[in-house]
PDB file of all heavy atoms in Angstrom:
ATOM      1  N   VAL A   1    -102.750 -29.838 -52.498  1.00  0.00           N
ATOM      2  CA  VAL A   1    -102.615 -30.831 -53.562  1.00  0.00           C
ATOM      3  C   VAL A   1    -103.952 -31.143 -54.230  1.00  0.00           C
ATOM      4  O   VAL A   1    -103.976 -31.905 -55.201  1.00  0.00           O
ATOM      5  CB  VAL A   1    -101.986 -32.146 -53.031  1.00  0.00           C
ATOM      6  CG1 VAL A   1    -100.545 -31.928 -52.641  1.00  0.00           C
ATOM      7  CG2 VAL A   1    -102.787 -32.721 -51.889  1.00  0.00           C
ATOM      8  N   THR A   2    -105.044 -30.577 -53.754  1.00  0.00           N
ATOM      9  CA  THR A   2    -106.345 -30.873 -54.353  1.00  0.00           C
ATOM     10  C   THR A   2    -106.935 -29.695 -55.119  1.00  0.00           C
ATOM     11  O   THR A   2    -107.928 -29.852 -55.807  1.00  0.00           O
ATOM     12  CB  THR A   2    -107.361 -31.301 -53.279  1.00  0.00           C
ATOM     13  OG1 THR A   2    -107.547 -30.230 -52.347  1.00  0.00           O
ATOM     14  CG2 THR A   2    -106.898 -32.548 -52.550  1.00  0.00           C
ATOM     15  N   VAL A   3    -106.327 -28.511 -55.010  1.00  0.00           N
ATOM     16  CA  VAL A   3    -106.819 -27.327 -55.708  1.00  0.00           C
ATOM     17  C   VAL A   3    -105.766 -26.896 -56.732  1.00  0.00           C
ATOM     18  O   VAL A   3    -104.577 -26.845 -56.418  1.00  0.00           O
ATOM     19  CB  VAL A   3    -107.116 -26.179 -54.726  1.00  0.00           C
ATOM     20  CG1 VAL A   3    -107.671 -24.971 -55.456  1.00  0.00           C
ATOM     21  CG2 VAL A   3    -108.130 -26.648 -53.667  1.00  0.00           C
ATOM     22  N   LYS A   4    -106.187 -26.604 -57.940  1.00  0.00           N
ATOM     23  CA  LYS A   4    -105.276 -26.487 -59.081  1.00  0.00           C
ATOM     24  C   LYS A   4    -104.177 -25.461 -58.886  1.00  0.00           C
ATOM     25  O   LYS A   4    -103.004 -25.725 -59.188  1.00  0.00           O
ATOM     26  CB  LYS A   4    -106.080 -26.157 -60.339  1.00  0.00           C
ATOM     27  CG  LYS A   4    -107.129 -27.190 -60.720  1.00  0.00           C
ATOM     28  CD  LYS A   4    -107.892 -26.758 -61.950  1.00  0.00           C
ATOM     29  CE  LYS A   4    -109.040 -27.709 -62.278  1.00  0.00           C
ATOM     30  NZ  LYS A   4    -110.155 -27.592 -61.328  1.00  0.00           N
ATOM     31  N   ASP A   5    -104.505 -24.264 -58.426  1.00  0.00           N
ATOM     32  CA  ASP A   5    -103.471 -23.221 -58.360  1.00  0.00           C
ATOM     33  C   ASP A   5    -102.439 -23.540 -57.283  1.00  0.00           C
ATOM     34  O   ASP A   5    -101.237 -23.333 -57.485  1.00  0.00           O
ATOM     35  CB  ASP A   5    -104.092 -21.852 -58.140  1.00  0.00           C
ATOM     36  CG  ASP A   5    -104.875 -21.743 -56.834  1.00  0.00           C
ATOM     37  OD1 ASP A   5    -105.488 -22.749 -56.423  1.00  0.00           O
ATOM     38  OD2 ASP A   5    -104.863 -20.659 -56.226  1.00  0.00           O
ATOM     39  N   LEU A   6    -102.893 -24.070 -56.155  1.00  0.00           N
ATOM     40  CA  LEU A   6    -101.950 -24.409 -55.092  1.00  0.00           C
ATOM     41  C   LEU A   6    -101.158 -25.668 -55.423  1.00  0.00           C
ATOM     42  O   LEU A   6    -100.000 -25.800 -55.020  1.00  0.00           O
ATOM     43  CB  LEU A   6    -102.699 -24.592 -53.767  1.00  0.00           C
ATOM     44  CG  LEU A   6    -103.452 -23.346 -53.258  1.00  0.00           C
ATOM     45  CD1 LEU A   6    -104.121 -23.634 -51.932  1.00  0.00           C
ATOM     46  CD2 LEU A   6    -102.515 -22.161 -53.139  1.00  0.00           C
ATOM     47  N   LEU A   7    -101.768 -26.582 -56.157  1.00  0.00           N
ATOM     48  CA  LEU A   7    -101.029 -27.772 -56.609  1.00  0.00           C
ATOM     49  C   LEU A   7     -99.855 -27.360 -57.487  1.00  0.00           C
ATOM     50  O   LEU A   7     -98.760 -27.932 -57.392  1.00  0.00           O
ATOM     51  CB  LEU A   7    -101.958 -28.723 -57.375  1.00  0.00           C
ATOM     52  CG  LEU A   7    -101.287 -29.917 -58.056  1.00  0.00           C
ATOM     53  CD1 LEU A   7    -100.614 -30.824 -57.037  1.00  0.00           C
ATOM     54  CD2 LEU A   7    -102.294 -30.697 -58.886  1.00  0.00           C
ATOM     55  N   ALA A   8    -100.071 -26.364 -58.355  1.00  0.00           N
ATOM     56  CA  ALA A   8     -98.982 -25.903 -59.225  1.00  0.00           C
ATOM     57  C   ALA A   8     -97.824 -25.355 -58.409  1.00  0.00           C
ATOM     58  O   ALA A   8     -96.658 -25.654 -58.678  1.00  0.00           O
ATOM     59  CB  ALA A   8     -99.505 -24.850 -60.193  1.00  0.00           C
ATOM     60  N   VAL A   9     -98.143 -24.551 -57.390  1.00  0.00           N
ATOM     61  CA  VAL A   9     -97.096 -23.990 -56.541  1.00  0.00           C
ATOM     62  C   VAL A   9     -96.377 -25.100 -55.796  1.00  0.00           C
ATOM     63  O   VAL A   9     -95.137 -25.123 -55.716  1.00  0.00           O
ATOM     64  CB  VAL A   9     -97.695 -22.968 -55.551  1.00  0.00           C
ATOM     65  CG1 VAL A   9     -96.629 -22.472 -54.576  1.00  0.00           C
ATOM     66  CG2 VAL A   9     -98.313 -21.794 -56.300  1.00  0.00           C
ATOM     67  N   THR A  10     -97.131 -26.040 -55.255  1.00  0.00           N
ATOM     68  CA  THR A  10     -96.540 -27.151 -54.515  1.00  0.00           C
ATOM     69  C   THR A  10     -95.672 -28.021 -55.433  1.00  0.00           C
ATOM     70  O   THR A  10     -94.571 -28.431 -55.073  1.00  0.00           O
ATOM     71  CB  THR A  10     -97.646 -28.016 -53.876  1.00  0.00           C
ATOM     72  OG1 THR A  10     -98.487 -27.186 -53.051  1.00  0.00           O
ATOM     73  CG2 THR A  10     -97.053 -29.114 -53.021  1.00  0.00           C
ATOM     74  N   GLY A  11     -96.171 -28.273 -56.641  1.00  0.00           N
ATOM     75  CA  GLY A  11     -95.441 -29.113 -57.578  1.00  0.00           C
ATOM     76  C   GLY A  11     -94.115 -28.508 -58.009  1.00  0.00           C
ATOM     77  O   GLY A  11     -93.128 -29.224 -58.215  1.00  0.00           O
ATOM     78  N   ARG A  12     -94.060 -27.188 -58.163  1.00  0.00           N
ATOM     79  CA  ARG A  12     -92.824 -26.542 -58.599  1.00  0.00           C
ATOM     80  C   ARG A  12     -91.669 -26.818 -57.640  1.00  0.00           C
ATOM     81  O   ARG A  12     -90.498 -26.825 -58.040  1.00  0.00           O
ATOM     82  CB  ARG A  12     -93.021 -25.024 -58.679  1.00  0.00           C
ATOM     83  CG  ARG A  12     -93.897 -24.543 -59.813  1.00  0.00           C
ATOM     84  CD  ARG A  12     -94.137 -23.053 -59.673  1.00  0.00           C
ATOM     85  NE  ARG A  12     -95.241 -22.605 -60.510  1.00  0.00           N
ATOM     86  CZ  ARG A  12     -95.974 -21.536 -60.250  1.00  0.00           C
ATOM     87  NH1 ARG A  12     -95.742 -20.808 -59.162  1.00  0.00           N
ATOM     88  NH2 ARG A  12     -96.947 -21.178 -61.062  1.00  0.00           N
ATOM     89  N   ARG A  13     -91.978 -27.029 -56.392  1.00  0.00           N
ATOM     90  CA  ARG A  13     -90.931 -27.199 -55.381  1.00  0.00           C
ATOM     91  C   ARG A  13     -90.115 -28.463 -55.610  1.00  0.00           C
ATOM     92  O   ARG A  13     -88.980 -28.564 -55.141  1.00  0.00           O
ATOM     93  CB  ARG A  13     -91.560 -27.268 -53.987  1.00  0.00           C
ATOM     94  CG  ARG A  13     -92.282 -26.003 -53.572  1.00  0.00           C
ATOM     95  CD  ARG A  13     -93.069 -26.260 -52.310  1.00  0.00           C
ATOM     96  NE  ARG A  13     -93.694 -25.039 -51.794  1.00  0.00           N
ATOM     97  CZ  ARG A  13     -94.602 -25.049 -50.819  1.00  0.00           C
ATOM     98  NH1 ARG A  13     -94.966 -26.201 -50.276  1.00  0.00           N
ATOM     99  NH2 ARG A  13     -95.128 -23.917 -50.403  1.00  0.00           N
ATOM    100  N   SER A  14     -90.674 -29.429 -56.340  1.00  0.00           N
ATOM    101  CA  SER A  14     -89.997 -30.717 -56.474  1.00  0.00           C
ATOM    102  C   SER A  14     -88.792 -30.651 -57.400  1.00  0.00           C
ATOM    103  O   SER A  14     -87.884 -31.464 -57.290  1.00  0.00           O
ATOM    104  CB  SER A  14     -90.975 -31.785 -56.964  1.00  0.00           C
ATOM    105  OG  SER A  14     -91.439 -31.487 -58.266  1.00  0.00           O
ATOM    106  N   GLU A  15     -88.787 -29.697 -58.355  1.00  0.00           N
ATOM    107  CA  GLU A  15     -87.635 -29.566 -59.253  1.00  0.00           C
ATOM    108  C   GLU A  15     -87.424 -28.081 -59.540  1.00  0.00           C
ATOM    109  O   GLU A  15     -87.648 -27.598 -60.649  1.00  0.00           O
ATOM    110  CB  GLU A  15     -87.874 -30.335 -60.552  1.00  0.00           C
ATOM    111  CG  GLU A  15     -87.903 -31.850 -60.376  1.00  0.00           C
ATOM    112  CD  GLU A  15     -87.983 -32.565 -61.704  1.00  0.00           C
ATOM    113  OE1 GLU A  15     -87.012 -32.504 -62.473  1.00  0.00           O
ATOM    114  OE2 GLU A  15     -89.036 -33.181 -61.959  1.00  0.00           O
ATOM    115  N   LEU A  16     -86.936 -27.359 -58.557  1.00  0.00           N
ATOM    116  CA  LEU A  16     -86.775 -25.925 -58.672  1.00  0.00           C
ATOM    117  C   LEU A  16     -85.744 -25.543 -59.720  1.00  0.00           C
ATOM    118  O   LEU A  16     -85.815 -24.474 -60.330  1.00  0.00           O
ATOM    119  CB  LEU A  16     -86.387 -25.321 -57.319  1.00  0.00           C
ATOM    120  CG  LEU A  16     -87.471 -25.335 -56.244  1.00  0.00           C
ATOM    121  CD1 LEU A  16     -86.895 -24.836 -54.920  1.00  0.00           C
ATOM    122  CD2 LEU A  16     -88.644 -24.460 -56.667  1.00  0.00           C
ATOM    123  N   ASP A  17     -84.737 -26.394 -59.949  1.00  0.00           N
ATOM    124  CA  ASP A  17     -83.619 -26.023 -60.802  1.00  0.00           C
ATOM    125  C   ASP A  17     -83.765 -26.511 -62.240  1.00  0.00           C
ATOM    126  O   ASP A  17     -82.906 -26.212 -63.076  1.00  0.00           O
ATOM    127  CB  ASP A  17     -82.304 -26.564 -60.214  1.00  0.00           C
ATOM    128  CG  ASP A  17     -82.017 -25.986 -58.836  1.00  0.00           C
ATOM    129  OD1 ASP A  17     -82.399 -24.831 -58.604  1.00  0.00           O
ATOM    130  OD2 ASP A  17     -81.446 -26.703 -58.000  1.00  0.00           O
ATOM    131  N   ARG A  18     -84.816 -27.270 -62.541  1.00  0.00           N
ATOM    132  CA  ARG A  18     -84.928 -27.811 -63.901  1.00  0.00           C
ATOM    133  C   ARG A  18     -85.394 -26.725 -64.870  1.00  0.00           C
ATOM    134  O   ARG A  18     -86.451 -26.130 -64.714  1.00  0.00           O
ATOM    135  CB  ARG A  18     -85.915 -28.973 -63.950  1.00  0.00           C
ATOM    136  CG  ARG A  18     -85.909 -29.693 -65.294  1.00  0.00           C
ATOM    137  CD  ARG A  18     -86.960 -30.785 -65.347  1.00  0.00           C
ATOM    138  NE  ARG A  18     -88.276 -30.266 -65.645  1.00  0.00           N
ATOM    139  CZ  ARG A  18     -88.792 -30.142 -66.872  1.00  0.00           C
ATOM    140  NH1 ARG A  18     -88.080 -30.498 -67.922  1.00  0.00           N
ATOM    141  NH2 ARG A  18     -90.011 -29.677 -67.058  1.00  0.00           N
ATOM    142  N   GLN A  19     -84.592 -26.454 -65.891  1.00  0.00           N
ATOM    143  CA  GLN A  19     -84.954 -25.527 -66.941  1.00  0.00           C
ATOM    144  C   GLN A  19     -84.398 -26.043 -68.262  1.00  0.00           C
ATOM    145  O   GLN A  19     -83.263 -26.498 -68.327  1.00  0.00           O
ATOM    146  CB  GLN A  19     -84.394 -24.126 -66.686  1.00  0.00           C
ATOM    147  CG  GLN A  19     -85.212 -23.314 -65.690  1.00  0.00           C
ATOM    148  CD  GLN A  19     -84.723 -21.872 -65.612  1.00  0.00           C
ATOM    149  OE1 GLN A  19     -83.967 -21.527 -64.712  1.00  0.00           O
ATOM    150  NE2 GLN A  19     -85.153 -21.058 -66.538  1.00  0.00           N
ATOM    151  N   ASN A  20     -85.219 -25.958 -69.292  1.00  0.00           N
ATOM    152  CA  ASN A  20     -84.798 -26.365 -70.630  1.00  0.00           C
ATOM    153  C   ASN A  20     -84.744 -25.111 -71.500  1.00  0.00           C
ATOM    154  O   ASN A  20     -85.777 -24.518 -71.817  1.00  0.00           O
ATOM    155  CB  ASN A  20     -85.790 -27.386 -71.199  1.00  0.00           C
ATOM    156  CG  ASN A  20     -85.317 -27.975 -72.520  1.00  0.00           C
ATOM    157  OD1 ASN A  20     -84.821 -27.279 -73.394  1.00  0.00           O
ATOM    158  ND2 ASN A  20     -85.504 -29.289 -72.659  1.00  0.00           N
ATOM    159  N   GLU A  21     -83.550 -24.702 -71.881  1.00  0.00           N
ATOM    160  CA  GLU A  21     -83.382 -23.455 -72.621  1.00  0.00           C
ATOM    161  C   GLU A  21     -83.960 -23.544 -74.041  1.00  0.00           C
ATOM    162  O   GLU A  21     -84.283 -22.522 -74.636  1.00  0.00           O
ATOM    163  CB  GLU A  21     -81.902 -23.084 -72.698  1.00  0.00           C
ATOM    164  CG  GLU A  21     -81.276 -22.756 -71.348  1.00  0.00           C
ATOM    165  CD  GLU A  21     -81.949 -21.560 -70.693  1.00  0.00           C
ATOM    166  OE1 GLU A  21     -82.407 -20.655 -71.437  1.00  0.00           O
ATOM    167  OE2 GLU A  21     -82.032 -21.532 -69.451  1.00  0.00           O
ATOM    168  N   ASP A  22     -84.082 -24.752 -74.558  1.00  0.00           N
ATOM    169  CA  ASP A  22     -84.619 -24.905 -75.917  1.00  0.00           C
ATOM    170  C   ASP A  22     -86.143 -24.814 -75.942  1.00  0.00           C
ATOM    171  O   ASP A  22     -86.718 -24.147 -76.801  1.00  0.00           O
ATOM    172  CB  ASP A  22     -84.164 -26.243 -76.518  1.00  0.00           C
ATOM    173  CG  ASP A  22     -82.666 -26.295 -76.722  1.00  0.00           C
ATOM    174  OD1 ASP A  22     -82.073 -25.242 -77.016  1.00  0.00           O
ATOM    175  OD2 ASP A  22     -82.074 -27.392 -76.560  1.00  0.00           O
ATOM    176  N   THR A  23     -86.786 -25.502 -75.006  1.00  0.00           N
ATOM    177  CA  THR A  23     -88.256 -25.520 -74.989  1.00  0.00           C
ATOM    178  C   THR A  23     -88.847 -24.514 -74.011  1.00  0.00           C
ATOM    179  O   THR A  23     -90.064 -24.317 -73.984  1.00  0.00           O
ATOM    180  CB  THR A  23     -88.759 -26.918 -74.608  1.00  0.00           C
ATOM    181  OG1 THR A  23     -88.351 -27.212 -73.255  1.00  0.00           O
ATOM    182  CG2 THR A  23     -88.187 -27.972 -75.539  1.00  0.00           C
ATOM    183  N   LEU A  24     -87.999 -23.909 -73.163  1.00  0.00           N
ATOM    184  CA  LEU A  24     -88.406 -22.978 -72.096  1.00  0.00           C
ATOM    185  C   LEU A  24     -89.212 -23.652 -70.993  1.00  0.00           C
ATOM    186  O   LEU A  24     -89.809 -22.978 -70.162  1.00  0.00           O
ATOM    187  CB  LEU A  24     -89.211 -21.793 -72.664  1.00  0.00           C
ATOM    188  CG  LEU A  24     -88.477 -20.889 -73.647  1.00  0.00           C
ATOM    189  CD1 LEU A  24     -89.364 -19.696 -74.032  1.00  0.00           C
ATOM    190  CD2 LEU A  24     -87.168 -20.388 -73.078  1.00  0.00           C
ATOM    191  N   GLU A  25     -89.240 -24.986 -70.982  1.00  0.00           N
ATOM    192  CA  GLU A  25     -89.940 -25.682 -69.914  1.00  0.00           C
ATOM    193  C   GLU A  25     -89.135 -25.579 -68.620  1.00  0.00           C
ATOM    194  O   GLU A  25     -87.898 -25.542 -68.633  1.00  0.00           O
ATOM    195  CB  GLU A  25     -90.151 -27.147 -70.270  1.00  0.00           C
ATOM    196  CG  GLU A  25     -91.093 -27.356 -71.449  1.00  0.00           C
ATOM    197  CD  GLU A  25     -91.184 -28.822 -71.849  1.00  0.00           C
ATOM    198  OE1 GLU A  25     -90.254 -29.581 -71.480  1.00  0.00           O
ATOM    199  OE2 GLU A  25     -92.159 -29.205 -72.509  1.00  0.00           O
ATOM    200  N   TYR A  26     -89.847 -25.533 -67.513  1.00  0.00           N
ATOM    201  CA  TYR A  26     -89.195 -25.507 -66.210  1.00  0.00           C
ATOM    202  C   TYR A  26     -90.082 -26.216 -65.189  1.00  0.00           C
ATOM    203  O   TYR A  26     -91.258 -26.456 -65.440  1.00  0.00           O
ATOM    204  CB  TYR A  26     -88.898 -24.064 -65.762  1.00  0.00           C
ATOM    205  CG  TYR A  26     -90.123 -23.213 -65.522  1.00  0.00           C
ATOM    206  CD1 TYR A  26     -90.775 -23.228 -64.290  1.00  0.00           C
ATOM    207  CD2 TYR A  26     -90.633 -22.395 -66.525  1.00  0.00           C
ATOM    208  CE1 TYR A  26     -91.901 -22.452 -64.069  1.00  0.00           C
ATOM    209  CE2 TYR A  26     -91.755 -21.616 -66.298  1.00  0.00           C
ATOM    210  CZ  TYR A  26     -92.389 -21.645 -65.079  1.00  0.00           C
ATOM    211  OH  TYR A  26     -93.503 -20.872 -64.860  1.00  0.00           O
ATOM    212  N   GLY A  27     -89.487 -26.527 -64.044  1.00  0.00           N
ATOM    213  CA  GLY A  27     -90.246 -27.235 -63.012  1.00  0.00           C
ATOM    214  C   GLY A  27     -90.295 -28.714 -63.288  1.00  0.00           C
ATOM    215  O   GLY A  27     -89.623 -29.233 -64.184  1.00  0.00           O
ATOM    216  N   PRO A  28     -91.106 -29.461 -62.537  1.00  0.00           N
ATOM    217  CA  PRO A  28     -91.157 -30.921 -62.674  1.00  0.00           C
ATOM    218  C   PRO A  28     -91.648 -31.344 -64.043  1.00  0.00           C
ATOM    219  O   PRO A  28     -92.533 -30.715 -64.627  1.00  0.00           O
ATOM    220  CB  PRO A  28     -92.121 -31.351 -61.566  1.00  0.00           C
ATOM    221  CG  PRO A  28     -92.944 -30.147 -61.267  1.00  0.00           C
ATOM    222  CD  PRO A  28     -92.053 -28.966 -61.502  1.00  0.00           C
TER     223      PRO A  28
END
């Protein structure tokens, strides 16, 4: 949670199923 690349991987786990087909955003 303190290093940028690993924080991104850790953060993705919180909303694995979120995807916006219009904006292509995904994750938390």
